[in-house]
C-alpha atoms as a PDB file:
ATOM      1  CA  MET A   1     102.858 120.495  94.064  1.00  0.00           C
ATOM      2  CA  SER A   2     101.765 117.075  92.764  1.00  0.00           C
ATOM      3  CA  LEU A   3      98.870 116.650  90.335  1.00  0.00           C
ATOM      4  CA  PHE A   4      96.703 115.122  93.074  1.00  0.00           C
ATOM      5  CA  LYS A   5      97.284 118.081  95.377  1.00  0.00           C
ATOM      6  CA  LYS A   6      96.534 120.515  92.553  1.00  0.00           C
ATOM      7  CA  ILE A   7      93.254 118.745  91.828  1.00  0.00           C
ATOM      8  CA  ILE A   8      92.304 118.742  95.520  1.00  0.00           C
ATOM      9  CA  PHE A   9      93.095 122.449  95.795  1.00  0.00           C
ATOM     10  CA  ILE A  10      91.097 123.359  92.674  1.00  0.00           C
ATOM     11  CA  VAL A  11      88.098 121.303  93.799  1.00  0.00           C
ATOM     12  CA  ALA A  12      88.254 122.825  97.300  1.00  0.00           C
ATOM     13  CA  VAL A  13      88.422 126.399  96.002  1.00  0.00           C
ATOM     14  CA  SER A  14      85.571 125.684  93.585  1.00  0.00           C
ATOM     15  CA  LEU A  15      83.465 124.278  96.431  1.00  0.00           C
ATOM     16  CA  PHE A  16      84.255 127.329  98.538  1.00  0.00           C
ATOM     17  CA  ALA A  17      83.189 129.685  95.722  1.00  0.00           C
ATOM     18  CA  TRP A  18      80.000 127.696  95.048  1.00  0.00           C
ATOM     19  CA  ILE A  19      78.948 127.754  98.715  1.00  0.00           C
ATOM     20  CA  ILE A  20      79.560 131.495  98.969  1.00  0.00           C
ATOM     21  CA  ALA A  21      77.609 132.140  95.758  1.00  0.00           C
ATOM     22  CA  ARG A  22      74.732 129.907  96.869  1.00  0.00           C
ATOM     23  CA  SER A  23      74.525 131.551 100.293  1.00  0.00           C
ATOM     24  CA  GLY A  24      74.659 135.113  98.988  1.00  0.00           C
ATOM     25  CA  PRO A  25      77.991 136.972  99.153  1.00  0.00           C
ATOM     26  CA  ALA A  26      76.382 140.293 100.131  1.00  0.00           C
ATOM     27  CA  LEU A  27      74.429 138.708 102.984  1.00  0.00           C
ATOM     28  CA  ILE A  28      77.459 136.881 104.324  1.00  0.00           C
ATOM     29  CA  TRP A  29      79.637 139.977 104.055  1.00  0.00           C
ATOM     30  CA  SER A  30      77.093 142.084 105.946  1.00  0.00           C
ATOM     31  CA  GLN A  31      76.988 139.505 108.730  1.00  0.00           C
ATOM     32  CA  VAL A  32      80.775 139.320 108.980  1.00  0.00           C
ATOM     33  CA  VAL A  33      81.350 143.097 109.027  1.00  0.00           C
ATOM     34  CA  SER A  34      78.594 143.508 111.618  1.00  0.00           C
ATOM     35  CA  LEU A  35      81.060 142.220 114.198  1.00  0.00           C
ATOM     36  CA  ASN A  36      83.277 145.321 113.837  1.00  0.00           C
ATOM     37  CA  TRP A  37      85.829 145.396 116.669  1.00  0.00           C
ATOM     38  CA  ARG A  38      84.298 142.265 118.206  1.00  0.00           C
ATOM     39  CA  ILE A  39      86.233 140.161 115.702  1.00  0.00           C
ATOM     40  CA  LEU A  40      89.227 140.878 117.963  1.00  0.00           C
ATOM     41  CA  ALA A  41      87.377 139.278 120.862  1.00  0.00           C
ATOM     42  CA  VAL A  42      86.857 136.156 118.720  1.00  0.00           C
ATOM     43  CA  ILE A  43      90.533 136.056 117.744  1.00  0.00           C
ATOM     44  CA  PHE A  44      91.942 136.505 121.244  1.00  0.00           C
ATOM     45  CA  ALA A  45      89.339 134.320 122.970  1.00  0.00           C
ATOM     46  CA  TYR A  46      90.949 131.392 121.141  1.00  0.00           C
ATOM     47  CA  LEU A  47      93.977 131.808 123.395  1.00  0.00           C
ATOM     48  CA  VAL A  48      92.027 129.744 125.940  1.00  0.00           C
ATOM     49  CA  ILE A  49      91.998 126.793 123.539  1.00  0.00           C
ATOM     50  CA  TYR A  50      95.653 127.334 122.620  1.00  0.00           C
ATOM     51  CA  PHE A  51      96.526 127.226 126.322  1.00  0.00           C
ATOM     52  CA  PHE A  52      94.832 123.843 126.722  1.00  0.00           C
ATOM     53  CA  ASP A  53      96.525 122.415 123.625  1.00  0.00           C
ATOM     54  CA  THR A  54      99.911 123.850 124.586  1.00  0.00           C
ATOM     55  CA  MET A  55      99.650 122.204 128.000  1.00  0.00           C
ATOM     56  CA  GLY A  56      98.591 118.979 126.290  1.00  0.00           C
ATOM     57  CA  TRP A  57     101.830 118.969 124.309  1.00  0.00           C
ATOM     58  CA  ARG A  58     103.951 120.099 127.277  1.00  0.00           C
ATOM     59  CA  LEU A  59     102.797 117.132 129.346  1.00  0.00           C
ATOM     60  CA  SER A  60     103.841 114.808 126.502  1.00  0.00           C
ATOM     61  CA  PHE A  61     107.479 115.195 127.543  1.00  0.00           C
ATOM     62  CA  ARG A  62     108.934 112.834 130.113  1.00  0.00           C
ATOM     63  CA  ARG A  63     109.779 114.285 133.489  1.00  0.00           C
ATOM     64  CA  GLY A  64     113.197 115.866 133.746  1.00  0.00           C
ATOM     65  CA  VAL A  65     113.309 117.362 130.247  1.00  0.00           C
ATOM     66  CA  LYS A  66     114.181 121.043 130.500  1.00  0.00           C
ATOM     67  CA  LEU A  67     111.692 123.049 128.453  1.00  0.00           C
ATOM     68  CA  PRO A  68     111.406 126.782 127.732  1.00  0.00           C
ATOM     69  CA  GLY A  69     108.812 128.861 129.550  1.00  0.00           C
ATOM     70  CA  LEU A  70     105.152 128.475 128.669  1.00  0.00           C
ATOM     71  CA  TRP A  71     105.029 131.566 126.393  1.00  0.00           C
ATOM     72  CA  ARG A  72     108.056 130.542 124.340  1.00  0.00           C
ATOM     73  CA  PHE A  73     106.784 126.979 124.242  1.00  0.00           C
ATOM     74  CA  PHE A  74     103.464 128.278 122.903  1.00  0.00           C
ATOM     75  CA  LEU A  75     105.281 130.260 120.198  1.00  0.00           C
ATOM     76  CA  VAL A  76     107.088 127.122 119.007  1.00  0.00           C
ATOM     77  CA  ARG A  77     103.828 125.211 118.890  1.00  0.00           C
ATOM     78  CA  GLN A  78     102.151 128.030 117.009  1.00  0.00           C
ATOM     79  CA  ALA A  79     104.863 128.006 114.356  1.00  0.00           C
ATOM     80  CA  GLY A  80     104.366 124.285 113.782  1.00  0.00           C
ATOM     81  CA  GLU A  81     100.577 124.599 113.764  1.00  0.00           C
ATOM     82  CA  ALA A  82     100.794 127.371 111.160  1.00  0.00           C
ATOM     83  CA  LEU A  83     102.631 124.974 108.840  1.00  0.00           C
ATOM     84  CA  ASN A  84     100.061 122.260 109.598  1.00  0.00           C
ATOM     85  CA  TYR A  85      97.301 124.669 108.611  1.00  0.00           C
ATOM     86  CA  THR A  86      98.821 126.144 105.459  1.00  0.00           C
ATOM     87  CA  THR A  87     100.395 123.072 103.842  1.00  0.00           C
ATOM     88  CA  PRO A  88      98.663 120.005 102.306  1.00  0.00           C
ATOM     89  CA  SER A  89     100.320 117.599 104.742  1.00  0.00           C
ATOM     90  CA  ALA A  90      97.311 116.078 106.559  1.00  0.00           C
ATOM     91  CA  TYR A  91      98.013 118.315 109.572  1.00  0.00           C
ATOM     92  CA  ILE A  92     101.305 116.583 110.400  1.00  0.00           C
ATOM     93  CA  GLY A  93     103.846 118.535 108.330  1.00  0.00           C
ATOM     94  CA  GLY A  94     104.442 121.004 111.135  1.00  0.00           C
ATOM     95  CA  GLU A  95     105.015 118.384 113.845  1.00  0.00           C
ATOM     96  CA  PRO A  96     108.723 117.706 113.165  1.00  0.00           C
ATOM     97  CA  VAL A  97     109.186 121.463 112.822  1.00  0.00           C
ATOM     98  CA  LYS A  98     108.140 121.856 116.453  1.00  0.00           C
ATOM     99  CA  ALA A  99     110.867 119.437 117.549  1.00  0.00           C
ATOM    100  CA  ILE A 100     113.434 121.146 115.304  1.00  0.00           C
ATOM    101  CA  LEU A 101     112.620 124.614 116.679  1.00  0.00           C
ATOM    102  CA  LEU A 102     112.795 123.392 120.283  1.00  0.00           C
ATOM    103  CA  ASN A 103     116.190 121.876 119.508  1.00  0.00           C
ATOM    104  CA  ARG A 104     117.655 124.843 117.675  1.00  0.00           C
ATOM    105  CA  ARG A 105     116.286 127.604 119.858  1.00  0.00           C
ATOM    106  CA  TYR A 106     116.190 126.042 123.318  1.00  0.00           C
ATOM    107  CA  GLY A 107     118.470 122.999 123.180  1.00  0.00           C
ATOM    108  CA  VAL A 108     115.777 120.368 123.703  1.00  0.00           C
ATOM    109  CA  ASP A 109     117.091 117.009 122.500  1.00  0.00           C
ATOM    110  CA  MET A 110     115.585 115.902 119.176  1.00  0.00           C
ATOM    111  CA  VAL A 111     114.776 112.481 120.635  1.00  0.00           C
ATOM    112  CA  ASP A 112     112.566 114.065 123.293  1.00  0.00           C
ATOM    113  CA  GLY A 113     111.090 116.555 120.839  1.00  0.00           C
ATOM    114  CA  LEU A 114     110.118 113.991 118.201  1.00  0.00           C
ATOM    115  CA  ALA A 115     108.839 111.536 120.816  1.00  0.00           C
ATOM    116  CA  SER A 116     106.697 114.285 122.342  1.00  0.00           C
ATOM    117  CA  VAL A 117     104.925 115.217 119.100  1.00  0.00           C
ATOM    118  CA  VAL A 118     103.990 111.557 118.530  1.00  0.00           C
ATOM    119  CA  ILE A 119     102.708 111.221 122.101  1.00  0.00           C
ATOM    120  CA  ALA A 120     100.829 114.516 121.840  1.00  0.00           C
ATOM    121  CA  LYS A 121      99.239 113.386 118.564  1.00  0.00           C
ATOM    122  CA  THR A 122      98.190 110.183 120.346  1.00  0.00           C
ATOM    123  CA  THR A 123      96.486 112.001 123.220  1.00  0.00           C
ATOM    124  CA  LEU A 124      95.006 114.515 120.759  1.00  0.00           C
ATOM    125  CA  PHE A 125      93.673 111.626 118.675  1.00  0.00           C
ATOM    126  CA  LEU A 126      92.244 109.883 121.733  1.00  0.00           C
ATOM    127  CA  SER A 127      90.630 113.069 123.031  1.00  0.00           C
ATOM    128  CA  LYS A 128      89.079 113.685 119.606  1.00  0.00           C
ATOM    129  CA  ILE A 129      87.469 110.239 119.789  1.00  0.00           C
ATOM    130  CA  ALA A 130      85.955 111.143 123.167  1.00  0.00           C
ATOM    131  CA  PHE A 131      84.895 114.542 121.800  1.00  0.00           C
ATOM    132  CA  LEU A 132      83.196 112.981 118.758  1.00  0.00           C
ATOM    133  CA  LEU A 133      81.525 110.327 120.923  1.00  0.00           C
ATOM    134  CA  ILE A 134      79.963 113.059 123.067  1.00  0.00           C
ATOM    135  CA  GLY A 135      78.912 114.782 119.848  1.00  0.00           C
ATOM    136  CA  VAL A 136      77.273 111.578 118.541  1.00  0.00           C
ATOM    137  CA  VAL A 137      75.243 111.243 121.740  1.00  0.00           C
ATOM    138  CA  LEU A 138      74.131 114.880 121.680  1.00  0.00           C
ATOM    139  CA  ALA A 139      73.387 114.846 117.950  1.00  0.00           C
ATOM    140  CA  LEU A 140      71.246 111.712 118.227  1.00  0.00           C
ATOM    141  CA  LYS A 141      69.419 113.168 121.208  1.00  0.00           C
ATOM    142  CA  PHE A 142      68.726 116.637 119.863  1.00  0.00           C
ATOM    143  CA  LEU A 143      68.654 116.103 116.076  1.00  0.00           C
ATOM    144  CA  ARG A 144      66.640 113.877 113.772  1.00  0.00           C
ATOM    145  CA  LEU A 145      68.201 110.423 113.462  1.00  0.00           C
ATOM    146  CA  GLU A 146      68.377 110.748 109.682  1.00  0.00           C
ATOM    147  CA  SER A 147      70.058 114.139 109.929  1.00  0.00           C
ATOM    148  CA  VAL A 148      73.231 114.578 107.874  1.00  0.00           C
ATOM    149  CA  VAL A 149      74.853 116.045 110.982  1.00  0.00           C
ATOM    150  CA  ALA A 150      74.279 112.987 113.162  1.00  0.00           C
ATOM    151  CA  ALA A 151      75.212 110.573 110.380  1.00  0.00           C
ATOM    152  CA  GLY A 152      78.348 112.522 109.477  1.00  0.00           C
ATOM    153  CA  ILE A 153      79.572 112.643 113.064  1.00  0.00           C
ATOM    154  CA  LEU A 154      78.844 108.943 113.571  1.00  0.00           C
ATOM    155  CA  TRP A 155      80.721 107.758 110.471  1.00  0.00           C
ATOM    156  CA  THR A 156      83.658 110.064 111.094  1.00  0.00           C
ATOM    157  CA  PHE A 157      83.821 108.817 114.675  1.00  0.00           C
ATOM    158  CA  ILE A 158      84.124 105.271 113.339  1.00  0.00           C
ATOM    159  CA  GLY A 159      86.812 106.370 110.865  1.00  0.00           C
ATOM    160  CA  VAL A 160      88.836 108.281 113.475  1.00  0.00           C
ATOM    161  CA  LEU A 161      88.623 105.315 115.846  1.00  0.00           C
ATOM    162  CA  GLY A 162      89.978 103.041 113.117  1.00  0.00           C
ATOM    163  CA  LEU A 163      92.854 105.399 112.336  1.00  0.00           C
ATOM    164  CA  PHE A 164      93.669 105.634 116.036  1.00  0.00           C
ATOM    165  CA  VAL A 165      93.916 101.847 116.304  1.00  0.00           C
ATOM    166  CA  VAL A 166      96.272 101.782 113.292  1.00  0.00           C
ATOM    167  CA  PHE A 167      98.350 104.583 114.827  1.00  0.00           C
ATOM    168  CA  LEU A 168      98.690 102.628 118.090  1.00  0.00           C
ATOM    169  CA  LEU A 169      99.671  99.444 116.275  1.00  0.00           C
ATOM    170  CA  LEU A 170     102.389 101.306 114.378  1.00  0.00           C
ATOM    171  CA  GLN A 171     103.727 102.704 117.651  1.00  0.00           C
ATOM    172  CA  ARG A 172     103.829  99.214 119.175  1.00  0.00           C
ATOM    173  CA  LYS A 173     105.959  98.074 116.250  1.00  0.00           C
ATOM    174  CA  GLY A 174     108.181 101.161 116.569  1.00  0.00           C
ATOM    175  CA  LEU A 175     106.747 104.024 114.509  1.00  0.00           C
ATOM    176  CA  PHE A 176     110.051 105.563 113.434  1.00  0.00           C
ATOM    177  CA  MET A 177     111.686 102.222 112.658  1.00  0.00           C
ATOM    178  CA  VAL A 178     108.651 101.287 110.577  1.00  0.00           C
ATOM    179  CA  GLY A 179     109.218 104.517 108.690  1.00  0.00           C
ATOM    180  CA  LEU A 180     112.900 103.678 108.203  1.00  0.00           C
ATOM    181  CA  ARG A 181     112.112 100.200 106.883  1.00  0.00           C
ATOM    182  CA  PHE A 182     109.546 101.710 104.523  1.00  0.00           C
ATOM    183  CA  ALA A 183     112.155 104.191 103.278  1.00  0.00           C
ATOM    184  CA  ARG A 184     114.634 101.368 102.731  1.00  0.00           C
ATOM    185  CA  ARG A 185     112.125  99.510 100.592  1.00  0.00           C
ATOM    186  CA  PHE A 186     111.945 102.474  98.220  1.00  0.00           C
ATOM    187  CA  LYS A 187     115.674 103.230  98.504  1.00  0.00           C
ATOM    188  CA  LEU A 188     115.041 106.555 100.270  1.00  0.00           C
ATOM    189  CA  SER A 189     116.821 105.800 103.534  1.00  0.00           C
ATOM    190  CA  GLY A 190     120.299 107.074 102.699  1.00  0.00           C
ATOM    191  CA  THR A 191     120.005 110.189 104.867  1.00  0.00           C
ATOM    192  CA  PHE A 192     118.820 108.190 107.883  1.00  0.00           C
ATOM    193  CA  GLU A 193     120.979 105.057 107.805  1.00  0.00           C
ATOM    194  CA  ASP A 194     123.623 106.500 110.110  1.00  0.00           C
ATOM    195  CA  LYS A 195     120.897 107.657 112.536  1.00  0.00           C
ATOM    196  CA  GLN A 196     119.328 104.272 113.227  1.00  0.00           C
ATOM    197  CA  ASP A 197     120.460 104.289 116.863  1.00  0.00           C
ATOM    198  CA  ARG A 198     118.755 107.639 117.434  1.00  0.00           C
ATOM    199  CA  ILE A 199     115.628 106.445 115.628  1.00  0.00           C
ATOM    200  CA  GLU A 200     115.449 103.383 117.864  1.00  0.00           C
ATOM    201  CA  GLU A 201     115.950 105.640 120.885  1.00  0.00           C
ATOM    202  CA  ILE A 202     112.918 107.719 119.865  1.00  0.00           C
ATOM    203  CA  ASP A 203     110.749 104.599 119.712  1.00  0.00           C
ATOM    204  CA  ARG A 204     112.051 103.489 123.138  1.00  0.00           C
ATOM    205  CA  THR A 205     111.319 106.937 124.586  1.00  0.00           C
ATOM    206  CA  ILE A 206     107.734 106.742 123.342  1.00  0.00           C
ATOM    207  CA  GLY A 207     107.263 103.235 124.771  1.00  0.00           C
ATOM    208  CA  ASP A 208     108.811 104.196 128.126  1.00  0.00           C
ATOM    209  CA  PHE A 209     106.538 107.227 128.367  1.00  0.00           C
ATOM    210  CA  TYR A 210     103.410 105.093 128.077  1.00  0.00           C
ATOM    211  CA  LEU A 211     104.719 102.715 130.745  1.00  0.00           C
ATOM    212  CA  LYS A 212     106.201 105.182 133.237  1.00  0.00           C
ATOM    213  CA  GLU A 213     104.394 108.490 132.688  1.00  0.00           C
ATOM    214  CA  ARG A 214     100.762 107.483 132.870  1.00  0.00           C
ATOM    215  CA  LEU A 215      99.762 110.489 134.979  1.00  0.00           C
ATOM    216  CA  ARG A 216     101.291 112.870 132.426  1.00  0.00           C
ATOM    217  CA  PHE A 217      99.584 110.923 129.622  1.00  0.00           C
ATOM    218  CA  CYS A 218      96.218 111.362 131.342  1.00  0.00           C
ATOM    219  CA  GLY A 219      96.957 115.038 131.913  1.00  0.00           C
ATOM    220  CA  SER A 220      97.807 115.539 128.251  1.00  0.00           C
ATOM    221  CA  PHE A 221      94.586 113.777 127.240  1.00  0.00           C
ATOM    222  CA  ALA A 222      92.527 115.904 129.653  1.00  0.00           C
ATOM    223  CA  PHE A 223      93.977 119.199 128.398  1.00  0.00           C
ATOM    224  CA  HIS A 224      93.403 118.242 124.766  1.00  0.00           C
ATOM    225  CA  LEU A 225      89.819 117.218 125.527  1.00  0.00           C
ATOM    226  CA  LEU A 226      89.257 120.576 127.210  1.00  0.00           C
ATOM    227  CA  GLY A 227      90.666 122.207 124.080  1.00  0.00           C
ATOM    228  CA  TRP A 228      88.175 120.384 121.842  1.00  0.00           C
ATOM    229  CA  ALA A 229      85.257 121.184 124.134  1.00  0.00           C
ATOM    230  CA  ALA A 230      86.249 124.847 124.497  1.00  0.00           C
ATOM    231  CA  GLY A 231      85.728 125.235 120.751  1.00  0.00           C
ATOM    232  CA  ALA A 232      82.008 125.389 121.556  1.00  0.00           C
ATOM    233  CA  ILE A 233      82.708 128.650 123.390  1.00  0.00           C
ATOM    234  CA  GLU A 234      83.895 130.210 120.133  1.00  0.00           C
ATOM    235  CA  VAL A 235      80.759 129.058 118.292  1.00  0.00           C
ATOM    236  CA  TYR A 236      78.588 130.408 121.103  1.00  0.00           C
ATOM    237  CA  ILE A 237      80.357 133.788 121.102  1.00  0.00           C
ATOM    238  CA  ILE A 238      80.293 134.233 117.315  1.00  0.00           C
ATOM    239  CA  LEU A 239      76.617 133.357 116.974  1.00  0.00           C
ATOM    240  CA  TYR A 240      75.790 135.636 119.915  1.00  0.00           C
ATOM    241  CA  PHE A 241      77.596 138.497 118.192  1.00  0.00           C
ATOM    242  CA  LEU A 242      75.684 137.712 114.991  1.00  0.00           C
ATOM    243  CA  GLY A 243      72.400 138.005 116.866  1.00  0.00           C
ATOM    244  CA  VAL A 244      71.627 134.280 116.780  1.00  0.00           C
ATOM    245  CA  PRO A 245      72.014 133.078 120.372  1.00  0.00           C
ATOM    246  CA  VAL A 246      72.030 129.307 120.807  1.00  0.00           C
ATOM    247  CA  ASP A 247      72.249 127.126 123.886  1.00  0.00           C
ATOM    248  CA  TRP A 248      75.466 125.371 124.844  1.00  0.00           C
ATOM    249  CA  VAL A 249      74.304 121.983 123.582  1.00  0.00           C
ATOM    250  CA  LYS A 250      73.689 123.308 120.069  1.00  0.00           C
ATOM    251  CA  ALA A 251      76.977 125.206 120.134  1.00  0.00           C
ATOM    252  CA  PHE A 252      78.757 121.982 121.071  1.00  0.00           C
ATOM    253  CA  VAL A 253      77.046 119.962 118.317  1.00  0.00           C
ATOM    254  CA  ILE A 254      77.901 122.630 115.713  1.00  0.00           C
ATOM    255  CA  GLU A 255      81.545 122.599 116.760  1.00  0.00           C
ATOM    256  CA  VAL A 256      81.654 118.800 116.732  1.00  0.00           C
ATOM    257  CA  PHE A 257      80.266 118.620 113.206  1.00  0.00           C
ATOM    258  CA  MET A 258      82.647 121.258 111.865  1.00  0.00           C
ATOM    259  CA  LYS A 259      85.611 119.468 113.430  1.00  0.00           C
ATOM    260  CA  THR A 260      84.216 116.194 112.088  1.00  0.00           C
ATOM    261  CA  ALA A 261      84.193 117.530 108.534  1.00  0.00           C
ATOM    262  CA  ASN A 262      87.750 118.825 108.898  1.00  0.00           C
ATOM    263  CA  SER A 263      88.839 115.392 110.135  1.00  0.00           C
ATOM    264  CA  ALA A 264      87.097 113.554 107.310  1.00  0.00           C
ATOM    265  CA  PHE A 265      88.774 115.773 104.699  1.00  0.00           C
ATOM    266  CA  PHE A 266      92.120 116.188 106.470  1.00  0.00           C
ATOM    267  CA  PHE A 267      93.946 116.160 103.116  1.00  0.00           C
ATOM    268  CA  VAL A 268      92.377 119.477 102.055  1.00  0.00           C
ATOM    269  CA  PRO A 269      94.714 122.382 102.940  1.00  0.00           C
ATOM    270  CA  ALA A 270      93.130 124.720 105.515  1.00  0.00           C
ATOM    271  CA  ALA A 271      89.855 122.785 105.009  1.00  0.00           C
ATOM    272  CA  ILE A 272      88.981 125.204 102.195  1.00  0.00           C
ATOM    273  CA  GLY A 273      85.327 124.757 101.284  1.00  0.00           C
ATOM    274  CA  VAL A 274      84.976 121.882 103.751  1.00  0.00           C
ATOM    275  CA  GLN A 275      84.542 124.137 106.768  1.00  0.00           C
ATOM    276  CA  GLU A 276      82.048 126.367 104.964  1.00  0.00           C
ATOM    277  CA  GLY A 277      80.019 123.378 103.749  1.00  0.00           C
ATOM    278  CA  ALA A 278      79.995 121.894 107.249  1.00  0.00           C
ATOM    279  CA  GLY A 279      78.834 125.174 108.749  1.00  0.00           C
ATOM    280  CA  TYR A 280      76.032 125.415 106.187  1.00  0.00           C
ATOM    281  CA  ALA A 281      74.887 121.828 106.762  1.00  0.00           C
ATOM    282  CA  ALA A 282      75.029 121.989 110.570  1.00  0.00           C
ATOM    283  CA  LEU A 283      73.085 125.217 111.020  1.00  0.00           C
ATOM    284  CA  ALA A 284      70.589 124.285 108.312  1.00  0.00           C
ATOM    285  CA  ALA A 285      69.933 120.970 110.099  1.00  0.00           C
ATOM    286  CA  LEU A 286      69.404 122.832 113.360  1.00  0.00           C
ATOM    287  CA  GLY A 287      66.894 125.160 111.702  1.00  0.00           C
ATOM    288  CA  ILE A 288      69.046 128.258 112.130  1.00  0.00           C
ATOM    289  CA  GLY A 289      69.869 128.773 108.458  1.00  0.00           C
ATOM    290  CA  GLY A 290      72.705 127.629 106.243  1.00  0.00           C
ATOM    291  CA  GLU A 291      73.759 131.189 105.378  1.00  0.00           C
ATOM    292  CA  MET A 292      74.454 131.883 109.043  1.00  0.00           C
ATOM    293  CA  GLY A 293      76.575 128.744 109.134  1.00  0.00           C
ATOM    294  CA  VAL A 294      78.702 130.034 106.259  1.00  0.00           C
ATOM    295  CA  ALA A 295      79.133 133.375 108.062  1.00  0.00           C
ATOM    296  CA  LEU A 296      80.201 131.475 111.181  1.00  0.00           C
ATOM    297  CA  SER A 297      82.745 129.524 109.125  1.00  0.00           C
ATOM    298  CA  ILE A 298      84.158 132.662 107.498  1.00  0.00           C
ATOM    299  CA  ILE A 299      84.625 134.344 110.872  1.00  0.00           C
ATOM    300  CA  LYS A 300      86.350 131.216 112.197  1.00  0.00           C
ATOM    301  CA  ARG A 301      88.574 131.300 109.112  1.00  0.00           C
ATOM    302  CA  ILE A 302      89.528 134.919 109.791  1.00  0.00           C
ATOM    303  CA  ARG A 303      90.632 133.824 113.258  1.00  0.00           C
ATOM    304  CA  GLU A 304      92.543 130.849 111.817  1.00  0.00           C
ATOM    305  CA  LEU A 305      94.335 132.994 109.234  1.00  0.00           C
ATOM    306  CA  SER A 306      95.234 135.584 111.870  1.00  0.00           C
ATOM    307  CA  TRP A 307      96.887 133.020 114.129  1.00  0.00           C
ATOM    308  CA  ALA A 308      98.435 131.161 111.183  1.00  0.00           C
ATOM    309  CA  GLY A 309     100.014 134.414 110.014  1.00  0.00           C
ATOM    310  CA  PHE A 310     101.344 134.985 113.514  1.00  0.00           C
ATOM    311  CA  GLY A 311     102.736 131.445 113.592  1.00  0.00           C
ATOM    312  CA  LEU A 312     104.475 131.842 110.212  1.00  0.00           C
ATOM    313  CA  PHE A 313     106.009 135.090 111.442  1.00  0.00           C
ATOM    314  CA  ILE A 314     107.411 133.248 114.471  1.00  0.00           C
ATOM    315  CA  TYR A 315     108.737 130.513 112.191  1.00  0.00           C
ATOM    316  CA  TRP A 316     110.519 132.872 109.805  1.00  0.00           C
ATOM    317  CA  MET A 317     111.820 135.249 112.495  1.00  0.00           C
ATOM    318  CA  PRO A 318     114.055 133.094 114.733  1.00  0.00           C
ATOM    319  CA  PRO A 319     115.802 134.549 117.789  1.00  0.00           C
ATOM    320  CA  LYS A 320     119.239 136.097 117.255  1.00  0.00           C
ATOM    321  CA  GLN A 321     120.964 133.366 119.242  1.00  0.00           C
ATOM    322  CA  GLU A 322     120.135 129.695 118.692  1.00  0.00           C
ATOM    323  CA  THR A 323     121.439 126.645 120.480  1.00  0.00           C
ATOM    324  CA  LYS A 324     121.576 123.180 119.017  1.00  0.00           C
ATOM    325  CA  ARG A 325     122.061 119.814 120.632  1.00  0.00           C
END
């Protein structure tokens, strides 16, 4: 682990500890344990969101590519997402792993696999912009204009939009070839020099998808947007279980702000401290109470860790027979 990553991790853990101490560990613990068996409902309810996101990725493949069934496809995605969540890789470290697992376990060509994760990230990015824009409108309508929630969502929306434009420009230039040229500049391209034809093929596959598969692109975008929006269901359910019922608009704004904070601090592994701080700020701004926001964040983290553990298990326990192409 580099020095920068160590510093980020230490700062994040310190922030997490400070927020817990400030909010009252005993109070938060009592709120979390009050869920009892209902924590299982929170964990498994997230399957709805995973379904939307899995379909969003599935539609990022060009027509004619033979893919495994939806359950096995979900397992591959979950393995990659677990690595995204647990490693300080800006939520992209698990993306090539998805393509590798599809190739090794189900014979999906690496060109199609790698092209699909880039396309899926594009539609995910675009849907997040739409999600944040809706959040900005709702936050400005239902919160004070000077609220940290509204301001945070607005500035992160601008930042995400800028990153999306850069991401599109890189794809127009050939994302993977740009990466190869960058590696050559620092004399790191030795492993990839003999694969230039395949790298160029990946870039062509991505470009062809945008030109010829517009309906699938729109479908991928729609499923990812549904996935973002469905996160409000989790917030609604958790707060209901905690005895703090909110309306759907507030649940949506809370989810938008928490996702906004995670996006703004994407370099923090598992958003340690970031998620808890966002929960505190959002619920305090809404007049519900910052301590309840921390409890909400902790319960969401329990769900995240449960599914991340499941994903890592899938990653480390491959099928007995693997195929590679």
